[in-house]
Each structure stands twice: as structure tokens, then as C-alpha cells.
Amino acid sequence: MQCVKCGLDNGQGSNFCNSCGAKLHTEASAPSAGAIISGERRRVTAMFADVVDSTPLAERIGEEALYKVMQ
């Protein structure tokens, strides 16, 4: 659940924000046990790629330079 005060995305079931401590929902908006939350199911394909040693390189040369290297 996303905090309306600071924008942090907190885990499901959290009552208070892990960053600023704000209450995440009121009694009226809290999902009750067994409640069905509306939504939409979609089949998606996701791909994650990691460039070996890119994090240490970014730390050395900076994000802007790494962006140019990757381009």
C-alpha cells in the first residue's frame, strides 16, 4: 500500500508507513477479512537483464557517464 504522505510503497498488510509513520488507511477504507479487491488479470512477459559489474562501474564513473557508456 502506498503512503499518501511520503509516497513510499509499503508491503501488504502494513498499517503504518515504514518511512514516515503515517497511518496507511482509515477504518472505513481498510479491507475487511475475505474482501475481494477488484482488479484485472493480464498475461504479461517481463524480462530482466543485468550487466555484469555495472554497479561498481556506476559507482566509479557516475550515473550520467554510465548512461552514455550503455548507449
Protein backbone atom coordinates (compact mmCIF):
# COMPACT_ATOMS: atom_id res chain seq x y z
CA MET A 1 0.00 0.00 0.00
CA GLN A 2 1.40 3.39 -1.00
CA CYS A 3 1.66 6.12 1.62
CA VAL A 4 -0.28 9.25 0.65
CA LYS A 5 2.03 11.41 2.77
CA CYS A 6 5.52 10.39 1.52
CA GLY A 7 4.76 8.06 -1.42
CA LEU A 8 6.65 5.01 -0.09
CA ASP A 9 5.30 1.68 -1.33
CA ASN A 10 4.76 -0.39 1.84
CA GLY A 11 4.05 -4.10 1.96
CA GLN A 12 0.53 -5.55 2.02
CA GLY A 13 -0.93 -5.68 5.49
CA SER A 14 1.04 -2.69 6.78
CA ASN A 15 -0.95 -0.30 8.93
CA PHE A 16 1.67 2.44 9.16
CA CYS A 17 4.24 3.76 6.68
CA ASN A 18 7.72 2.28 7.14
CA SER A 19 9.28 5.65 6.26
CA CYS A 20 7.22 8.45 7.84
CA GLY A 21 4.96 6.52 10.23
CA ALA A 22 1.70 7.87 8.78
CA LYS A 23 -1.40 5.69 9.09
CA LEU A 24 -1.93 3.98 5.73
CA HIS A 25 -5.71 3.61 5.80
CA THR A 26 -8.72 4.52 7.86
CA GLU A 27 -11.14 2.02 9.34
CA ALA A 28 -13.62 2.76 6.53
CA SER A 29 -11.09 2.12 3.75
CA ALA A 30 -9.36 -0.87 5.36
CA PRO A 31 -10.07 -4.12 3.53
CA SER A 32 -12.11 -6.49 5.67
CA ALA A 33 -11.25 -10.15 6.07
CA GLY A 34 -12.31 -12.06 2.98
CA ALA A 35 -12.89 -8.88 0.94
CA ILE A 36 -12.45 -9.17 -2.79
CA ILE A 37 -10.32 -6.37 -4.18
CA SER A 38 -11.26 -5.53 -7.75
CA GLY A 39 -8.64 -5.63 -10.43
CA GLU A 40 -7.77 -7.05 -13.76
CA ARG A 41 -5.81 -10.15 -14.73
CA ARG A 42 -3.46 -9.88 -17.65
CA ARG A 43 -0.83 -12.18 -19.05
CA VAL A 44 2.44 -10.31 -19.36
CA THR A 45 6.00 -11.08 -20.29
CA ALA A 46 8.74 -9.43 -18.27
CA MET A 47 12.45 -9.52 -18.94
CA PHE A 48 15.18 -8.54 -16.53
CA ALA A 49 18.73 -8.07 -17.69
CA ASP A 50 21.75 -7.20 -15.61
CA VAL A 51 25.08 -6.05 -16.99
CA VAL A 52 27.93 -7.75 -15.14
CA ASP A 53 29.84 -5.34 -12.88
CA SER A 54 27.68 -2.36 -13.87
CA THR A 55 27.08 -1.28 -10.26
CA PRO A 56 30.77 -0.88 -9.34
CA LEU A 57 31.33 0.88 -12.67
CA ALA A 58 28.48 3.31 -11.97
CA GLU A 59 29.94 3.99 -8.54
CA ARG A 60 33.30 4.85 -10.11
CA ILE A 61 32.25 6.92 -13.12
CA GLY A 62 28.80 8.17 -12.08
CA GLU A 63 25.30 7.58 -13.43
CA GLU A 64 25.47 10.07 -16.31
CA ALA A 65 28.72 8.59 -17.65
CA LEU A 66 27.37 5.05 -17.29
CA TYR A 67 24.26 6.06 -19.22
CA LYS A 68 26.45 7.33 -22.06
CA VAL A 69 28.53 4.12 -21.99
CA MET A 70 25.39 1.99 -22.16
CA GLN A 71 24.01 3.99 -25.08
